[in-house]
Protein backbone atom coordinates (compact mmCIF):
# COMPACT_ATOMS: atom_id res chain seq x y z
CA UNK A 1 167.77 95.47 116.82
CA UNK A 2 165.57 94.53 114.04
CA UNK A 3 166.84 92.44 111.35
CA UNK A 4 167.02 93.92 107.84
CA UNK A 5 164.19 93.03 105.77
CA UNK A 6 164.97 90.97 102.65
CA UNK A 7 161.93 92.18 100.71
CA UNK A 8 162.83 93.93 97.52
CA UNK A 9 161.75 97.38 97.18
CA UNK A 10 159.30 98.43 94.50
CA UNK A 11 160.72 100.38 91.63
CA UNK A 12 157.39 101.75 90.35
CA UNK A 13 156.56 105.29 91.08
CA UNK A 14 153.26 105.91 92.69
CA UNK A 15 150.69 107.32 90.28
CA UNK A 16 150.37 111.13 90.49
CA UNK A 17 146.94 112.64 90.71
CA UNK A 18 145.32 113.80 87.42
CA UNK A 19 144.25 117.44 87.54
CA UNK A 20 140.64 117.73 86.15
CA UNK A 21 140.01 121.45 84.68
CA UNK A 22 137.34 123.34 86.51
CA UNK A 23 133.88 123.38 84.49
CA UNK A 24 133.52 127.24 85.02
CA UNK A 25 137.16 127.66 83.56
CA UNK A 26 136.49 125.54 80.65
CA UNK A 27 132.97 127.22 79.80
CA UNK A 28 134.54 130.67 79.86
CA UNK A 29 136.39 130.27 76.57
CA UNK A 30 133.48 128.70 74.70
CA UNK A 31 131.15 131.62 75.76
CA UNK A 32 133.79 134.11 74.79
CA UNK A 33 133.85 132.46 71.34
CA UNK A 34 130.11 132.44 70.86
CA UNK A 35 129.96 135.98 72.07
CA UNK A 36 132.56 136.90 69.36
CA UNK A 37 130.97 134.87 66.80
CA UNK A 38 127.46 136.69 67.45
CA UNK A 39 129.04 139.98 67.34
CA UNK A 40 130.51 139.24 63.84
CA UNK A 41 127.09 138.02 62.68
CA UNK A 42 125.65 141.45 64.08
CA UNK A 43 127.92 143.47 62.05
CA UNK A 44 127.50 141.48 58.78
CA UNK A 45 123.65 141.74 59.15
CA UNK A 46 123.61 145.29 59.96
CA UNK A 47 125.88 146.03 56.87
CA UNK A 48 123.62 144.18 54.60
CA UNK A 49 120.55 146.14 56.00
CA UNK A 50 122.53 149.36 55.20
CA UNK A 51 123.18 148.11 51.63
CA UNK A 52 119.55 147.19 51.05
CA UNK A 53 118.43 150.53 52.03
CA UNK A 54 120.84 152.19 49.96
CA UNK A 55 119.82 150.32 47.03
CA UNK A 56 116.08 151.05 47.61
CA UNK A 57 116.63 154.58 47.99
CA UNK A 58 118.79 154.79 44.82
CA UNK A 59 116.35 152.65 42.73
CA UNK A 60 113.50 155.14 42.91
CA UNK A 61 111.19 153.25 45.49
CA UNK A 62 109.38 156.47 45.76
CA UNK A 63 105.88 154.87 46.85
CA UNK A 64 107.17 154.40 50.33
CA UNK A 65 107.88 158.11 50.58
CA UNK A 66 105.01 159.69 49.07
CA UNK A 67 102.94 162.43 50.88
CA UNK A 68 99.32 162.76 50.74
CA UNK A 69 98.07 166.22 50.88
CA UNK A 70 94.89 168.21 49.88
CA UNK A 71 94.91 170.82 47.01
CA UNK A 72 94.66 173.79 49.43
CA UNK A 73 97.72 172.58 51.52
CA UNK A 74 99.91 172.16 48.60
CA UNK A 75 98.90 175.44 46.75
CA UNK A 76 99.37 177.71 49.90
CA UNK A 77 102.87 176.42 50.73
CA UNK A 78 104.20 175.37 47.28
CA UNK A 79 107.99 175.78 48.24
CA UNK A 80 107.64 172.89 50.89
CA UNK A 81 106.42 170.55 48.41
CA UNK A 82 107.93 171.35 45.03
CA UNK A 83 109.67 168.43 43.41
CA UNK A 84 108.63 165.96 46.10
CA UNK A 85 106.52 162.94 45.15
CA UNK A 86 103.00 163.73 46.13
CA UNK A 87 99.41 162.43 46.15
CA UNK A 88 97.13 165.45 45.85
CA UNK A 89 93.29 165.20 46.42
CA UNK A 90 90.71 167.68 45.37
CA UNK A 91 87.36 168.27 43.34
CA UNK A 92 87.71 168.22 39.45
CA UNK A 93 86.86 171.79 38.32
CA UNK A 94 83.67 171.60 36.18
CA UNK A 95 84.64 172.06 32.29
CA UNK A 96 88.36 172.10 33.10
CA UNK A 97 89.19 168.90 30.96
CA UNK A 98 91.10 169.29 27.94
CA UNK A 99 92.96 166.71 25.72
CA UNK A 100 95.50 166.93 22.91
CA UNK A 101 96.10 163.98 20.78
CA UNK A 102 99.50 164.19 19.46
CA UNK A 103 101.55 163.91 21.75
CA UNK A 104 98.84 162.70 24.30
CA UNK A 105 98.23 164.96 27.11
CA UNK A 106 95.34 165.61 29.57
CA UNK A 107 94.95 168.79 31.28
CA UNK A 108 92.37 169.87 34.11
CA UNK A 109 92.14 171.56 37.29
CA UNK A 110 91.44 170.24 40.89
CA UNK A 111 90.30 172.57 43.65
CA UNK A 112 89.53 172.36 47.58
CA UNK A 113 88.68 175.29 49.95
CA UNK A 114 88.68 178.00 47.16
CA UNK A 115 92.48 176.90 45.98
CA UNK A 116 92.98 175.62 42.57
CA UNK A 117 95.86 173.45 41.05
CA UNK A 118 96.30 172.93 37.24
CA UNK A 119 97.48 169.48 36.38
CA UNK A 120 99.06 167.93 33.31
CA UNK A 121 98.95 164.29 32.59
CA UNK A 122 100.97 163.19 29.63
CA UNK A 123 99.25 159.95 28.76
CA UNK A 124 96.51 158.95 26.17
CA UNK A 125 94.30 156.84 28.41
CA UNK A 126 92.44 157.94 31.64
CA UNK A 127 89.89 156.09 33.61
CA UNK A 128 86.62 155.72 32.11
CA UNK A 129 84.78 157.43 35.28
CA UNK A 130 87.14 160.56 34.54
CA UNK A 131 84.58 163.09 33.30
CA UNK A 132 82.96 166.29 33.97
CA UNK A 133 79.69 166.90 35.64
CA UNK A 134 79.63 164.42 38.53
CA UNK A 135 81.27 166.10 41.28
CA UNK A 136 84.07 164.06 40.92
CA UNK A 137 86.96 163.90 43.58
CA UNK A 138 90.34 163.08 41.81
CA UNK A 139 93.67 161.95 43.56
CA UNK A 140 96.65 162.65 41.35
CA UNK A 141 100.33 161.42 41.89
CA UNK A 142 103.41 163.22 40.71
CA UNK A 143 105.56 166.27 41.35
CA UNK A 144 104.63 169.93 41.72
CA UNK A 145 106.78 172.07 39.26
CA UNK A 146 108.25 175.35 39.41
CA UNK A 147 105.23 177.21 37.87
CA UNK A 148 102.98 175.43 40.40
CA UNK A 149 101.32 173.12 38.23
CA UNK A 150 101.22 169.45 38.66
CA UNK A 151 102.77 166.90 36.58
CA UNK A 152 101.05 163.83 37.25
CA UNK A 153 102.11 160.13 36.72
CA UNK A 154 98.86 158.80 38.01
CA UNK A 155 95.11 159.82 37.96
CA UNK A 156 92.67 158.31 40.22
CA UNK A 157 89.00 159.34 40.12
CA UNK A 158 86.51 158.67 42.62
CA UNK A 159 82.81 159.21 41.92
CA UNK A 160 80.40 160.13 44.54
CA UNK A 161 78.72 156.99 46.13
CA UNK A 162 75.10 156.19 45.73
CA UNK A 163 74.66 157.38 49.26
CA UNK A 164 76.21 160.83 48.72
CA UNK A 165 74.15 161.25 45.69
CA UNK A 166 70.81 160.58 47.75
CA UNK A 167 72.08 163.07 50.40
CA UNK A 168 72.74 165.63 47.63
CA UNK A 169 69.35 164.98 46.40
CA UNK A 170 67.61 165.59 49.82
CA UNK A 171 69.68 168.85 50.23
CA UNK A 172 68.10 170.03 46.88
CA UNK A 173 71.23 169.75 44.94
CA UNK A 174 70.79 169.45 41.08
CA UNK A 175 72.32 166.09 39.82
CA UNK A 176 74.62 166.35 37.20
CA UNK A 177 74.28 164.77 33.63
CA UNK A 178 75.71 161.12 34.04
CA UNK A 179 77.72 161.57 30.63
CA UNK A 180 79.14 165.12 30.55
CA UNK A 181 81.44 165.55 27.62
CA UNK A 182 85.04 166.15 27.61
CA UNK A 183 86.76 168.99 25.73
CA UNK A 184 89.44 168.39 23.13
CA UNK A 185 92.28 170.35 21.50
CA UNK A 186 92.47 169.91 18.03
CA UNK A 187 95.35 171.28 15.71
CA UNK A 188 93.21 174.54 15.18
CA UNK A 189 92.69 174.99 18.79
CA UNK A 190 88.91 174.70 18.42
CA UNK A 191 86.74 172.37 20.50
CA UNK A 192 85.55 169.22 19.00
CA UNK A 193 81.85 168.57 19.64
CA UNK A 194 80.63 166.54 22.67
CA UNK A 195 79.24 162.86 22.19
CA UNK A 196 75.44 163.01 21.10
CA UNK A 197 73.41 163.29 24.11
CA UNK A 198 76.11 164.58 26.38
CA UNK A 199 76.11 167.59 28.36
CA UNK A 200 77.89 170.32 26.27
CA UNK A 201 81.54 170.93 27.75
CA UNK A 202 83.20 174.36 27.96
CA UNK A 203 85.13 175.24 25.11
CA UNK A 204 88.77 174.36 25.39
CA UNK A 205 91.61 176.90 25.06
CA UNK A 206 94.56 175.62 22.87
CA UNK A 207 97.52 174.12 24.56
């Protein structure tokens, strides 16, 4: 029979194993948090975009929504284009330019493929190249009114290029006078004389 041991028993508890969290488990909440943050950012960005779009539409940013058409396209289907912001291109009808000084207003007609459109431009000044007698192509921007006339806010004339003029000469066309006159409307409704040396303009009708 073995003799009892006199060695004192240890009272210290054995250290327990420390549990280390799994890497995948610790990464999952982090990914979820990032996903939630990204979702919130997306909502904020989308909301800001909607606000900006609304402000642009409500502030009259019309240039981004301007339709470009030819005269005959607008005249043959006026109901489709009425009260929309348009750019319309056509040839200036010779002798159609009229001007009133007070209040300032230019009136003229542009045409394309046998269709004509009267234009009103309530400004005092037009570009220097805007004149009769040069087979002028004109682009006007504005709106088609209920009476099918066009109220322009911009008038952009484009003279024939040197090449186009040479081609017309080869085809036997008569070249217009370079300084054709503009008709004006006086208080009496009579036409003022054209500048000296200028081709005579058609007598204008009173506004």
